[in-house]
Amino acid sequence: KQQKTSMAIFSLISLTLVSTAMANLGCEDFSYNNCHDPPATQELHVGSLDECIQNCDLFGSFDQCDFIMFYGSGRDENCHIISGDGSPDEEMAKYLAACRVVGQPMKKDGGSCMEGPLGECATALCSPGCESCAADKCSGYHGSQCQKIGEPGETSPGLPNYTACLSYCTLQMLSNPWTYLAYDLEAQECICYLDEKVDCAVDVVRFGTTMAEVTDCQA
């Protein structure tokens, strides 16, 4: 009887930890690391992310800004204006797709499964499917060159693709308080984490996204 009570208490604590950790998870919590900086159309020194966004608005008015990369520290020319042959959506997606490490929550705060960055969906526990972030209000803002904060919860080497990692960490949620994953595409290493906390050196903002929207996504 005492053992059953202890198990029940443990299960309740685990569920509470999961619910607390998932309290504010969503599409804004994607993170990227080991990314390759694209050539910039302009490299400017600005005083803030807001000022960098305003410069993108200016250059974008004559099709010379698809997205910006704002470096919080370490660079004098800290605002990079990026412009390519595709649309702003396509050019920012191209940059993010070249990043070696991608992180995201497995589920949103409402409990629905989240798609991966290229539409991947976990193969277990996600009926009737995964929610896309393509039309989300935070799709125009991401952090890159992000270092994950906190100890890894569960690591699985040798998973062949992102879908396998997403499926693995989603399944692990049944018996563990993990809510977030990071997948190294080159090393094929999948790590499940307790929370979404990351430290990102670069703010990536698509043309047309306002500072107010970015602030809302950062909250």
Protein backbone atom coordinates (compact mmCIF):
# COMPACT_ATOMS: atom_id res chain seq x y z
CA LYS A 1 0.00 0.00 0.00
CA GLN A 2 2.82 2.39 0.90
CA GLN A 3 4.56 1.59 -2.40
CA LYS A 4 1.37 2.36 -4.36
CA THR A 5 1.00 5.67 -2.52
CA SER A 6 4.61 6.60 -3.28
CA MET A 7 4.12 5.76 -6.96
CA ALA A 8 0.97 7.88 -7.08
CA ILE A 9 2.78 10.83 -5.50
CA PHE A 10 5.68 10.45 -7.94
CA SER A 11 3.27 10.37 -10.90
CA LEU A 12 1.48 13.47 -9.61
CA ILE A 13 4.78 15.33 -9.20
CA SER A 14 5.85 14.32 -12.73
CA LEU A 15 2.56 15.52 -14.21
CA THR A 16 2.85 18.81 -12.30
CA LEU A 17 6.39 19.34 -13.59
CA VAL A 18 5.27 18.69 -17.17
CA SER A 19 2.26 21.02 -16.87
CA THR A 20 4.41 23.77 -15.35
CA ALA A 21 7.18 23.40 -17.94
CA MET A 22 4.65 23.47 -20.81
CA ALA A 23 2.88 26.57 -19.47
CA ASN A 24 4.14 28.92 -22.20
CA LEU A 25 5.47 26.74 -25.00
CA GLY A 26 4.73 27.45 -28.64
CA CYS A 27 6.05 28.25 -32.11
CA GLU A 28 8.15 31.10 -30.70
CA ASP A 29 10.36 28.55 -28.94
CA PHE A 30 12.15 27.13 -31.98
CA SER A 31 15.92 27.65 -31.69
CA TYR A 32 18.84 27.16 -34.06
CA ASN A 33 22.58 26.72 -33.62
CA ASN A 34 25.71 26.24 -35.72
CA CYS A 35 24.24 28.28 -38.54
CA HIS A 36 26.12 29.62 -41.56
CA ASP A 37 25.92 33.40 -41.91
CA PRO A 38 24.72 34.34 -45.41
CA PRO A 39 26.34 37.26 -47.26
CA ALA A 40 24.77 40.55 -46.19
CA THR A 41 23.49 43.23 -48.53
CA GLN A 42 24.30 45.79 -45.84
CA GLU A 43 26.15 45.60 -42.52
CA LEU A 44 25.21 48.48 -40.21
CA HIS A 45 25.92 49.62 -36.67
CA VAL A 46 22.67 50.22 -34.78
CA GLY A 47 21.74 50.86 -31.18
CA SER A 48 18.97 48.29 -30.87
CA LEU A 49 17.02 45.49 -32.52
CA ASP A 50 14.20 47.96 -33.16
CA GLU A 51 16.55 50.19 -35.14
CA CYS A 52 17.75 47.21 -37.17
CA ILE A 53 14.11 46.32 -37.98
CA GLN A 54 13.48 49.90 -39.08
CA ASN A 55 16.42 49.66 -41.47
CA CYS A 56 14.98 46.45 -42.91
CA ASP A 57 11.66 48.23 -43.42
CA LEU A 58 13.50 50.94 -45.36
CA PHE A 59 15.58 48.61 -47.53
CA GLY A 60 12.64 46.25 -47.93
CA SER A 61 10.55 49.03 -49.44
CA PHE A 62 12.73 48.65 -52.55
CA ASP A 63 13.15 44.86 -52.29
CA GLN A 64 16.56 44.91 -50.60
CA CYS A 65 15.71 43.22 -47.26
CA ASP A 66 14.22 39.77 -46.80
CA PHE A 67 15.29 39.38 -43.18
CA ILE A 68 17.75 40.77 -40.66
CA MET A 69 20.29 39.23 -38.33
CA PHE A 70 20.85 41.33 -35.21
CA TYR A 71 23.90 40.46 -33.11
CA GLY A 72 23.34 41.34 -29.47
CA SER A 73 27.05 41.75 -28.72
CA GLY A 74 30.53 41.20 -30.09
CA ARG A 75 30.19 42.99 -33.44
CA ASP A 76 30.43 46.66 -34.30
CA GLU A 77 28.33 46.22 -37.45
CA ASN A 78 25.64 44.37 -35.58
CA CYS A 79 22.73 44.67 -38.02
CA HIS A 80 22.97 42.51 -41.15
CA ILE A 81 20.47 43.12 -43.92
CA ILE A 82 19.94 39.91 -45.92
CA SER A 83 18.39 39.87 -49.39
CA GLY A 84 18.16 37.06 -51.92
CA ASP A 85 16.33 35.94 -55.03
CA GLY A 86 13.37 34.41 -53.18
CA SER A 87 10.60 35.83 -51.02
CA PRO A 88 11.30 36.86 -47.40
CA ASP A 89 9.73 33.59 -46.23
CA GLU A 90 11.91 31.54 -48.58
CA GLU A 91 15.15 33.35 -47.80
CA MET A 92 14.76 33.12 -44.02
CA ALA A 93 13.74 29.47 -44.30
CA LYS A 94 16.82 28.80 -46.43
CA TYR A 95 19.08 30.27 -43.75
CA LEU A 96 17.44 28.32 -40.90
CA ALA A 97 17.44 25.06 -42.88
CA ALA A 98 21.23 25.23 -43.10
CA CYS A 99 21.65 25.28 -39.31
CA ARG A 100 23.16 22.12 -37.88
CA VAL A 101 21.20 22.04 -34.59
CA VAL A 102 17.46 22.66 -34.28
CA GLY A 103 15.46 22.84 -31.06
CA GLN A 104 11.72 22.96 -30.36
CA PRO A 105 9.01 21.96 -27.88
CA MET A 106 7.33 18.65 -28.62
CA LYS A 107 3.91 20.05 -27.67
CA LYS A 108 2.30 23.45 -27.29
CA ASP A 109 0.94 24.71 -24.00
CA GLY A 110 -2.51 23.39 -24.89
CA GLY A 111 -1.13 19.88 -25.29
CA SER A 112 -1.25 19.69 -29.10
CA CYS A 113 1.78 18.31 -30.92
CA MET A 114 3.97 20.76 -32.84
CA GLU A 115 5.29 20.18 -36.34
CA GLY A 116 9.02 20.30 -36.93
CA PRO A 117 10.60 23.10 -38.99
CA LEU A 118 9.98 21.24 -42.27
CA GLY A 119 6.55 19.88 -41.40
CA GLU A 120 7.76 16.78 -39.53
CA CYS A 121 5.31 15.12 -37.11
CA ALA A 122 5.93 12.61 -34.33
CA THR A 123 4.73 9.12 -35.23
CA ALA A 124 3.33 8.42 -31.74
CA LEU A 125 0.94 10.24 -29.37
CA CYS A 126 0.04 12.89 -31.94
CA SER A 127 -3.35 11.85 -33.27
CA PRO A 128 -4.92 13.46 -35.27
CA GLY A 129 -1.65 15.16 -36.25
CA CYS A 130 0.69 18.06 -35.52
CA GLU A 131 -0.05 21.77 -35.63
CA SER A 132 1.88 23.82 -38.18
CA CYS A 133 3.72 27.00 -37.22
CA ALA A 134 3.72 28.36 -40.79
CA ALA A 135 0.93 30.86 -40.12
CA ASP A 136 1.79 31.51 -36.47
CA LYS A 137 2.24 35.11 -35.34
CA CYS A 138 5.83 34.27 -34.34
CA SER A 139 6.84 32.67 -37.64
CA GLY A 140 8.69 35.87 -38.56
CA TYR A 141 11.02 35.75 -35.55
CA HIS A 142 13.58 33.19 -34.40
CA GLY A 143 16.78 33.02 -32.36
CA SER A 144 19.93 31.57 -33.88
CA GLN A 145 23.39 30.67 -32.60
CA CYS A 146 21.51 29.46 -29.51
CA GLN A 147 23.16 27.55 -26.68
CA LYS A 148 20.83 25.30 -24.68
CA ILE A 149 20.75 26.09 -20.97
CA GLY A 150 20.39 23.22 -18.52
CA GLU A 151 21.37 19.60 -18.27
CA PRO A 152 20.25 17.12 -20.94
CA GLY A 153 17.47 14.84 -19.82
CA GLU A 154 17.70 11.93 -22.25
CA THR A 155 20.12 11.44 -25.13
CA SER A 156 19.74 9.09 -28.07
CA PRO A 157 22.61 8.92 -30.59
CA GLY A 158 22.17 7.56 -34.10
CA LEU A 159 18.61 8.66 -34.83
CA PRO A 160 18.58 9.07 -38.61
CA ASN A 161 16.42 12.17 -39.01
CA TYR A 162 14.45 14.92 -37.31
CA THR A 163 11.17 12.99 -37.37
CA ALA A 164 12.80 10.16 -35.41
CA CYS A 165 14.03 12.62 -32.76
CA LEU A 166 10.64 14.32 -32.52
CA SER A 167 8.96 10.93 -32.14
CA TYR A 168 11.49 9.73 -29.57
CA CYS A 169 11.21 12.76 -27.24
CA THR A 170 7.41 12.88 -27.61
CA LEU A 171 7.20 9.23 -26.55
CA GLN A 172 9.54 9.94 -23.63
CA MET A 173 6.98 12.43 -22.30
CA LEU A 174 4.87 9.49 -21.10
CA SER A 175 7.26 8.74 -18.25
CA ASN A 176 9.52 11.81 -18.04
CA PRO A 177 9.03 15.58 -17.61
CA TRP A 178 10.77 16.42 -20.91
CA THR A 179 9.17 19.16 -23.01
CA TYR A 180 11.92 20.26 -25.43
CA LEU A 181 14.33 18.64 -27.86
CA ALA A 182 17.49 19.51 -29.73
CA TYR A 183 18.60 17.53 -32.77
CA ASP A 184 22.07 17.68 -34.31
CA LEU A 185 21.52 16.88 -37.98
CA GLU A 186 25.17 16.15 -38.67
CA ALA A 187 25.92 14.00 -35.62
CA GLN A 188 22.37 12.51 -35.68
CA GLU A 189 22.13 13.07 -31.93
CA CYS A 190 18.79 13.70 -30.25
CA ILE A 191 18.52 15.21 -26.75
CA CYS A 192 15.32 15.69 -24.73
CA TYR A 193 15.26 18.51 -22.15
CA LEU A 194 13.12 19.62 -19.24
CA ASP A 195 12.48 23.13 -20.58
CA GLU A 196 12.97 25.51 -23.49
CA LYS A 197 15.59 27.83 -21.98
CA VAL A 198 18.24 28.91 -24.49
CA ASP A 199 20.72 31.75 -24.83
CA CYS A 200 20.69 33.07 -28.40
CA ALA A 201 23.34 35.41 -29.80
CA VAL A 202 21.40 36.43 -32.93
CA ASP A 203 17.84 37.66 -33.48
CA VAL A 204 16.51 36.70 -36.92
CA VAL A 205 13.54 38.80 -38.06
CA ARG A 206 11.69 38.51 -41.35
CA PHE A 207 10.81 41.63 -43.34
CA GLY A 208 7.38 42.91 -42.33
CA THR A 209 7.61 41.69 -38.73
CA THR A 210 7.29 44.56 -36.25
CA MET A 211 9.21 45.17 -33.03
CA ALA A 212 5.91 44.85 -31.12
CA GLU A 213 5.41 41.37 -32.59
CA VAL A 214 8.98 40.39 -31.72
CA THR A 215 8.53 41.61 -28.13
CA ASP A 216 5.32 39.60 -27.85
CA CYS A 217 7.11 36.47 -29.10
CA GLN A 218 10.03 37.00 -26.71
CA ALA A 219 7.72 37.31 -23.68
